[in-house]
Structures are given as structure tokens and as C-alpha cells.
Amino acid sequence: MAELQIAIGAKIRELRTARGWSQETFADICEIHRSHMGEIERGEVDVAISTLQKVGKGLDITVSALLKGIV
């Protein structure tokens, strides 16, 4: 399970940095606390589907596109 969490977090970080956003800015866009976004990106927590929806909305992509190539 930890490998999946790490892979999801790495993908989110990659997509965020490609847009030039700081973690704090992106957390604000997604309406997620910055420290929780850090936990997600480091793969320290299981991400709820509702949180993945917020992240996808923030990135303007679907959850399936976010997870493509991971699962």
C-alpha cells in the first residue's frame, strides 16, 4: 500500500510543479490544508477519493487521468 501512496503523491507533485505552483498555492486552490497536501505528496497518508476529486479539480483533470499509469 505504501508504494501506491508514494506513487500518487509523486504524480501530484509532478503535475503541480509542472504548473509552477508552490505547494501552499496548490493546497489553497484545492481547498486542502497545506500540511495535509505535504503528507499526500510524500505518500504518508491514504488519500480519500473526495480529496483526489479536489486535487483533480485543482489540476483541471479527472481522477482517472490523475491515476493513469499508477493503478
PDB file of N, CA and C in Angstrom:
ATOM      1  N   MET A   1       0.822  -1.197   0.000  1.00  0.00           N
ATOM      2  CA  MET A   1       0.000   0.000   0.000  1.00  0.00           C
ATOM      3  C   MET A   1       0.864   1.258   0.000  1.00  0.00           C
ATOM      4  N   ALA A   2       1.944   1.267   0.730  1.00  0.00           N
ATOM      5  CA  ALA A   2       2.796   2.458   0.803  1.00  0.00           C
ATOM      6  C   ALA A   2       3.331   2.840  -0.570  1.00  0.00           C
ATOM      7  N   GLU A   3       3.625   1.852  -1.406  1.00  0.00           N
ATOM      8  CA  GLU A   3       4.125   2.156  -2.752  1.00  0.00           C
ATOM      9  C   GLU A   3       3.084   2.921  -3.555  1.00  0.00           C
ATOM     10  N   LEU A   4       1.822   2.549  -3.408  1.00  0.00           N
ATOM     11  CA  LEU A   4       0.743   3.237  -4.114  1.00  0.00           C
ATOM     12  C   LEU A   4       0.619   4.677  -3.623  1.00  0.00           C
ATOM     13  N   GLN A   5       0.659   4.878  -2.315  1.00  0.00           N
ATOM     14  CA  GLN A   5       0.570   6.219  -1.741  1.00  0.00           C
ATOM     15  C   GLN A   5       1.720   7.088  -2.250  1.00  0.00           C
ATOM     16  N   ILE A   6       2.916   6.528  -2.288  1.00  0.00           N
ATOM     17  CA  ILE A   6       4.087   7.269  -2.751  1.00  0.00           C
ATOM     18  C   ILE A   6       3.947   7.625  -4.229  1.00  0.00           C
ATOM     19  N   ALA A   7       3.451   6.684  -5.030  1.00  0.00           N
ATOM     20  CA  ALA A   7       3.285   6.929  -6.462  1.00  0.00           C
ATOM     21  C   ALA A   7       2.245   8.014  -6.725  1.00  0.00           C
ATOM     22  N   ILE A   8       1.141   7.984  -5.999  1.00  0.00           N
ATOM     23  CA  ILE A   8       0.109   9.006  -6.157  1.00  0.00           C
ATOM     24  C   ILE A   8       0.657  10.373  -5.752  1.00  0.00           C
ATOM     25  N   GLY A   9       1.340  10.423  -4.630  1.00  0.00           N
ATOM     26  CA  GLY A   9       1.923  11.683  -4.165  1.00  0.00           C
ATOM     27  C   GLY A   9       2.931  12.248  -5.145  1.00  0.00           C
ATOM     28  N   ALA A  10       3.765  11.374  -5.707  1.00  0.00           N
ATOM     29  CA  ALA A  10       4.775  11.821  -6.678  1.00  0.00           C
ATOM     30  C   ALA A  10       4.116  12.375  -7.933  1.00  0.00           C
ATOM     31  N   LYS A  11       3.028  11.743  -8.365  1.00  0.00           N
ATOM     32  CA  LYS A  11       2.316  12.211  -9.561  1.00  0.00           C
ATOM     33  C   LYS A  11       1.695  13.582  -9.306  1.00  0.00           C
ATOM     34  N   ILE A  12       1.101  13.744  -8.137  1.00  0.00           N
ATOM     35  CA  ILE A  12       0.501  15.034  -7.793  1.00  0.00           C
ATOM     36  C   ILE A  12       1.580  16.115  -7.754  1.00  0.00           C
ATOM     37  N   ARG A  13       2.709  15.823  -7.120  1.00  0.00           N
ATOM     38  CA  ARG A  13       3.813  16.789  -7.049  1.00  0.00           C
ATOM     39  C   ARG A  13       4.308  17.138  -8.448  1.00  0.00           C
ATOM     40  N   GLU A  14       4.459  16.134  -9.297  1.00  0.00           N
ATOM     41  CA  GLU A  14       4.934  16.355 -10.669  1.00  0.00           C
ATOM     42  C   GLU A  14       3.994  17.282 -11.433  1.00  0.00           C
ATOM     43  N   LEU A  15       2.694  17.024 -11.333  1.00  0.00           N
ATOM     44  CA  LEU A  15       1.714  17.839 -12.048  1.00  0.00           C
ATOM     45  C   LEU A  15       1.652  19.258 -11.478  1.00  0.00           C
ATOM     46  N   ARG A  16       1.781  19.372 -10.159  1.00  0.00           N
ATOM     47  CA  ARG A  16       1.765  20.688  -9.522  1.00  0.00           C
ATOM     48  C   ARG A  16       2.971  21.515  -9.948  1.00  0.00           C
ATOM     49  N   THR A  17       4.149  20.918  -9.870  1.00  0.00           N
ATOM     50  CA  THR A  17       5.362  21.675 -10.197  1.00  0.00           C
ATOM     51  C   THR A  17       5.427  22.011 -11.684  1.00  0.00           C
ATOM     52  N   ALA A  18       4.843  21.165 -12.531  1.00  0.00           N
ATOM     53  CA  ALA A  18       4.805  21.460 -13.962  1.00  0.00           C
ATOM     54  C   ALA A  18       4.000  22.730 -14.242  1.00  0.00           C
ATOM     55  N   ARG A  19       3.073  23.025 -13.344  1.00  0.00           N
ATOM     56  CA  ARG A  19       2.272  24.241 -13.496  1.00  0.00           C
ATOM     57  C   ARG A  19       2.919  25.443 -12.799  1.00  0.00           C
ATOM     58  N   GLY A  20       4.030  25.198 -12.116  1.00  0.00           N
ATOM     59  CA  GLY A  20       4.750  26.283 -11.460  1.00  0.00           C
ATOM     60  C   GLY A  20       4.149  26.732 -10.146  1.00  0.00           C
ATOM     61  N   TRP A  21       3.307  25.904  -9.535  1.00  0.00           N
ATOM     62  CA  TRP A  21       2.644  26.259  -8.294  1.00  0.00           C
ATOM     63  C   TRP A  21       3.436  25.780  -7.095  1.00  0.00           C
ATOM     64  N   SER A  22       3.472  26.601  -6.071  1.00  0.00           N
ATOM     65  CA  SER A  22       4.026  26.156  -4.788  1.00  0.00           C
ATOM     66  C   SER A  22       3.015  25.196  -4.165  1.00  0.00           C
ATOM     67  N   GLN A  23       3.498  24.443  -3.203  1.00  0.00           N
ATOM     68  CA  GLN A  23       2.599  23.521  -2.504  1.00  0.00           C
ATOM     69  C   GLN A  23       1.490  24.290  -1.785  1.00  0.00           C
ATOM     70  N   GLU A  24       1.842  25.416  -1.207  1.00  0.00           N
ATOM     71  CA  GLU A  24       0.854  26.220  -0.486  1.00  0.00           C
ATOM     72  C   GLU A  24      -0.214  26.773  -1.443  1.00  0.00           C
ATOM     73  N   THR A  25       0.219  27.293  -2.571  1.00  0.00           N
ATOM     74  CA  THR A  25      -0.726  27.817  -3.566  1.00  0.00           C
ATOM     75  C   THR A  25      -1.663  26.716  -4.043  1.00  0.00           C
ATOM     76  N   PHE A  26      -1.088  25.555  -4.359  1.00  0.00           N
ATOM     77  CA  PHE A  26      -1.901  24.448  -4.855  1.00  0.00           C
ATOM     78  C   PHE A  26      -2.870  23.952  -3.788  1.00  0.00           C
ATOM     79  N   ALA A  27      -2.426  23.877  -2.552  1.00  0.00           N
ATOM     80  CA  ALA A  27      -3.317  23.468  -1.462  1.00  0.00           C
ATOM     81  C   ALA A  27      -4.496  24.427  -1.351  1.00  0.00           C
ATOM     82  N   ASP A  28      -4.228  25.720  -1.495  1.00  0.00           N
ATOM     83  CA  ASP A  28      -5.307  26.715  -1.462  1.00  0.00           C
ATOM     84  C   ASP A  28      -6.279  26.515  -2.616  1.00  0.00           C
ATOM     85  N   ILE A  29      -5.753  26.253  -3.806  1.00  0.00           N
ATOM     86  CA  ILE A  29      -6.598  26.017  -4.972  1.00  0.00           C
ATOM     87  C   ILE A  29      -7.523  24.822  -4.728  1.00  0.00           C
ATOM     88  N   CYS A  30      -6.962  23.774  -4.110  1.00  0.00           N
ATOM     89  CA  CYS A  30      -7.712  22.531  -3.871  1.00  0.00           C
ATOM     90  C   CYS A  30      -8.550  22.578  -2.595  1.00  0.00           C
ATOM     91  N   GLU A  31      -8.401  23.652  -1.816  1.00  0.00           N
ATOM     92  CA  GLU A  31      -9.084  23.786  -0.534  1.00  0.00           C
ATOM     93  C   GLU A  31      -8.723  22.642   0.407  1.00  0.00           C
ATOM     94  N   ILE A  32      -7.411  22.368   0.459  1.00  0.00           N
ATOM     95  CA  ILE A  32      -6.838  21.354   1.340  1.00  0.00           C
ATOM     96  C   ILE A  32      -5.771  22.061   2.169  1.00  0.00           C
ATOM     97  N   HIS A  33      -5.664  21.713   3.436  1.00  0.00           N
ATOM     98  CA  HIS A  33      -4.639  22.330   4.275  1.00  0.00           C
ATOM     99  C   HIS A  33      -3.259  22.005   3.717  1.00  0.00           C
ATOM    100  N   ARG A  34      -2.350  22.989   3.741  1.00  0.00           N
ATOM    101  CA  ARG A  34      -1.021  22.809   3.165  1.00  0.00           C
ATOM    102  C   ARG A  34      -0.263  21.643   3.783  1.00  0.00           C
ATOM    103  N   SER A  35      -0.379  21.462   5.087  1.00  0.00           N
ATOM    104  CA  SER A  35       0.340  20.355   5.725  1.00  0.00           C
ATOM    105  C   SER A  35      -0.206  19.007   5.263  1.00  0.00           C
ATOM    106  N   HIS A  36      -1.509  18.935   5.019  1.00  0.00           N
ATOM    107  CA  HIS A  36      -2.090  17.688   4.511  1.00  0.00           C
ATOM    108  C   HIS A  36      -1.628  17.434   3.071  1.00  0.00           C
ATOM    109  N   MET A  37      -1.531  18.493   2.285  1.00  0.00           N
ATOM    110  CA  MET A  37      -1.025  18.343   0.919  1.00  0.00           C
ATOM    111  C   MET A  37       0.407  17.805   0.958  1.00  0.00           C
ATOM    112  N   GLY A  38       1.195  18.284   1.896  1.00  0.00           N
ATOM    113  CA  GLY A  38       2.555  17.780   2.053  1.00  0.00           C
ATOM    114  C   GLY A  38       2.569  16.297   2.383  1.00  0.00           C
ATOM    115  N   GLU A  39       1.685  15.880   3.271  1.00  0.00           N
ATOM    116  CA  GLU A  39       1.577  14.461   3.626  1.00  0.00           C
ATOM    117  C   GLU A  39       1.194  13.625   2.411  1.00  0.00           C
ATOM    118  N   ILE A  40       0.276  14.151   1.619  1.00  0.00           N
ATOM    119  CA  ILE A  40      -0.156  13.446   0.411  1.00  0.00           C
ATOM    120  C   ILE A  40       1.008  13.304  -0.554  1.00  0.00           C
ATOM    121  N   GLU A  41       1.698  14.398  -0.824  1.00  0.00           N
ATOM    122  CA  GLU A  41       2.800  14.376  -1.792  1.00  0.00           C
ATOM    123  C   GLU A  41       3.957  13.491  -1.333  1.00  0.00           C
ATOM    124  N   ARG A  42       4.140  13.362  -0.037  1.00  0.00           N
ATOM    125  CA  ARG A  42       5.201  12.497   0.487  1.00  0.00           C
ATOM    126  C   ARG A  42       4.753  11.044   0.604  1.00  0.00           C
ATOM    127  N   GLY A  43       3.481  10.770   0.329  1.00  0.00           N
ATOM    128  CA  GLY A  43       2.967   9.413   0.402  1.00  0.00           C
ATOM    129  C   GLY A  43       2.783   8.909   1.819  1.00  0.00           C
ATOM    130  N   GLU A  44       2.546   9.812   2.747  1.00  0.00           N
ATOM    131  CA  GLU A  44       2.422   9.453   4.153  1.00  0.00           C
ATOM    132  C   GLU A  44       0.998   9.086   4.569  1.00  0.00           C
ATOM    133  N   VAL A  45       0.018   9.376   3.731  1.00  0.00           N
ATOM    134  CA  VAL A  45      -1.382   9.124   4.087  1.00  0.00           C
ATOM    135  C   VAL A  45      -2.116   8.463   2.927  1.00  0.00           C
ATOM    136  N   ASP A  46      -3.164   7.719   3.281  1.00  0.00           N
ATOM    137  CA  ASP A  46      -4.086   7.217   2.265  1.00  0.00           C
ATOM    138  C   ASP A  46      -4.956   8.395   1.845  1.00  0.00           C
ATOM    139  N   VAL A  47      -5.110   8.590   0.575  1.00  0.00           N
ATOM    140  CA  VAL A  47      -5.864   9.728   0.072  1.00  0.00           C
ATOM    141  C   VAL A  47      -7.307   9.308  -0.174  1.00  0.00           C
ATOM    142  N   ALA A  48      -8.230  10.028   0.420  1.00  0.00           N
ATOM    143  CA  ALA A  48      -9.649   9.764   0.211  1.00  0.00           C
ATOM    144  C   ALA A  48     -10.035  10.130  -1.216  1.00  0.00           C
ATOM    145  N   ILE A  49     -11.025   9.452  -1.757  1.00  0.00           N
ATOM    146  CA  ILE A  49     -11.473   9.733  -3.128  1.00  0.00           C
ATOM    147  C   ILE A  49     -11.974  11.176  -3.227  1.00  0.00           C
ATOM    148  N   SER A  50     -12.579  11.686  -2.176  1.00  0.00           N
ATOM    149  CA  SER A  50     -13.050  13.080  -2.209  1.00  0.00           C
ATOM    150  C   SER A  50     -11.866  14.047  -2.308  1.00  0.00           C
ATOM    151  N   THR A  51     -10.757  13.697  -1.687  1.00  0.00           N
ATOM    152  CA  THR A  51      -9.557  14.526  -1.784  1.00  0.00           C
ATOM    153  C   THR A  51      -8.962  14.430  -3.179  1.00  0.00           C
ATOM    154  N   LEU A  52      -8.966  13.236  -3.761  1.00  0.00           N
ATOM    155  CA  LEU A  52      -8.489  13.085  -5.137  1.00  0.00           C
ATOM    156  C   LEU A  52      -9.340  13.908  -6.097  1.00  0.00           C
ATOM    157  N   GLN A  53     -10.640  13.999  -5.820  1.00  0.00           N
ATOM    158  CA  GLN A  53     -11.513  14.826  -6.657  1.00  0.00           C
ATOM    159  C   GLN A  53     -11.124  16.296  -6.554  1.00  0.00           C
ATOM    160  N   LYS A  54     -10.822  16.761  -5.344  1.00  0.00           N
ATOM    161  CA  LYS A  54     -10.396  18.152  -5.157  1.00  0.00           C
ATOM    162  C   LYS A  54      -9.083  18.418  -5.889  1.00  0.00           C
ATOM    163  N   VAL A  55      -8.151  17.476  -5.794  1.00  0.00           N
ATOM    164  CA  VAL A  55      -6.865  17.620  -6.470  1.00  0.00           C
ATOM    165  C   VAL A  55      -7.066  17.633  -7.981  1.00  0.00           C
ATOM    166  N   GLY A  56      -7.883  16.709  -8.479  1.00  0.00           N
ATOM    167  CA  GLY A  56      -8.171  16.673  -9.911  1.00  0.00           C
ATOM    168  C   GLY A  56      -8.804  17.963 -10.394  1.00  0.00           C
ATOM    169  N   LYS A  57      -9.751  18.469  -9.618  1.00  0.00           N
ATOM    170  CA  LYS A  57     -10.399  19.736  -9.983  1.00  0.00           C
ATOM    171  C   LYS A  57      -9.381  20.867 -10.000  1.00  0.00           C
ATOM    172  N   GLY A  58      -8.486  20.880  -9.012  1.00  0.00           N
ATOM    173  CA  GLY A  58      -7.450  21.905  -8.960  1.00  0.00           C
ATOM    174  C   GLY A  58      -6.515  21.850 -10.156  1.00  0.00           C
ATOM    175  N   LEU A  59      -6.269  20.641 -10.646  1.00  0.00           N
ATOM    176  CA  LEU A  59      -5.396  20.453 -11.807  1.00  0.00           C
ATOM    177  C   LEU A  59      -6.164  20.498 -13.128  1.00  0.00           C
ATOM    178  N   ASP A  60      -7.496  20.582 -13.033  1.00  0.00           N
ATOM    179  CA  ASP A  60      -8.380  20.581 -14.202  1.00  0.00           C
ATOM    180  C   ASP A  60      -8.246  19.282 -15.002  1.00  0.00           C
ATOM    181  N   ILE A  61      -8.161  18.166 -14.257  1.00  0.00           N
ATOM    182  CA  ILE A  61      -8.142  16.837 -14.874  1.00  0.00           C
ATOM    183  C   ILE A  61      -9.073  15.925 -14.083  1.00  0.00           C
ATOM    184  N   THR A  62      -9.440  14.807 -14.676  1.00  0.00           N
ATOM    185  CA  THR A  62     -10.285  13.838 -13.984  1.00  0.00           C
ATOM    186  C   THR A  62      -9.442  13.010 -13.017  1.00  0.00           C
ATOM    187  N   VAL A  63     -10.117  12.367 -12.092  1.00  0.00           N
ATOM    188  CA  VAL A  63      -9.426  11.469 -11.158  1.00  0.00           C
ATOM    189  C   VAL A  63      -8.784  10.329 -11.943  1.00  0.00           C
ATOM    190  N   SER A  64      -9.470   9.834 -12.956  1.00  0.00           N
ATOM    191  CA  SER A  64      -8.894   8.732 -13.750  1.00  0.00           C
ATOM    192  C   SER A  64      -7.627   9.191 -14.470  1.00  0.00           C
ATOM    193  N   ALA A  65      -7.594  10.426 -14.957  1.00  0.00           N
ATOM    194  CA  ALA A  65      -6.386  10.937 -15.595  1.00  0.00           C
ATOM    195  C   ALA A  65      -5.278  11.107 -14.573  1.00  0.00           C
ATOM    196  N   LEU A  66      -5.633  11.508 -13.378  1.00  0.00           N
ATOM    197  CA  LEU A  66      -4.657  11.653 -12.304  1.00  0.00           C
ATOM    198  C   LEU A  66      -4.006  10.307 -11.961  1.00  0.00           C
ATOM    199  N   LEU A  67      -4.808   9.251 -11.971  1.00  0.00           N
ATOM    200  CA  LEU A  67      -4.313   7.930 -11.586  1.00  0.00           C
ATOM    201  C   LEU A  67      -3.783   7.109 -12.751  1.00  0.00           C
ATOM    202  N   LYS A  68      -3.937   7.620 -13.965  1.00  0.00           N
ATOM    203  CA  LYS A  68      -3.490   6.888 -15.149  1.00  0.00           C
ATOM    204  C   LYS A  68      -2.001   6.572 -15.043  1.00  0.00           C
ATOM    205  N   GLY A  69      -1.657   5.317 -15.270  1.00  0.00           N
ATOM    206  CA  GLY A  69      -0.279   4.881 -15.209  1.00  0.00           C
ATOM    207  C   GLY A  69       0.187   4.493 -13.816  1.00  0.00           C
ATOM    208  N   ILE A  70      -0.653   4.737 -12.821  1.00  0.00           N
ATOM    209  CA  ILE A  70      -0.303   4.398 -11.445  1.00  0.00           C
ATOM    210  C   ILE A  70      -0.990   3.103 -11.027  1.00  0.00           C
ATOM    211  N   VAL A  71      -2.294   3.032 -11.291  1.00  0.00           N
ATOM    212  CA  VAL A  71      -3.069   1.853 -10.878  1.00  0.00           C
ATOM    213  C   VAL A  71      -3.636   1.155 -12.089  1.00  0.00           C
TER     214      VAL A  71
END
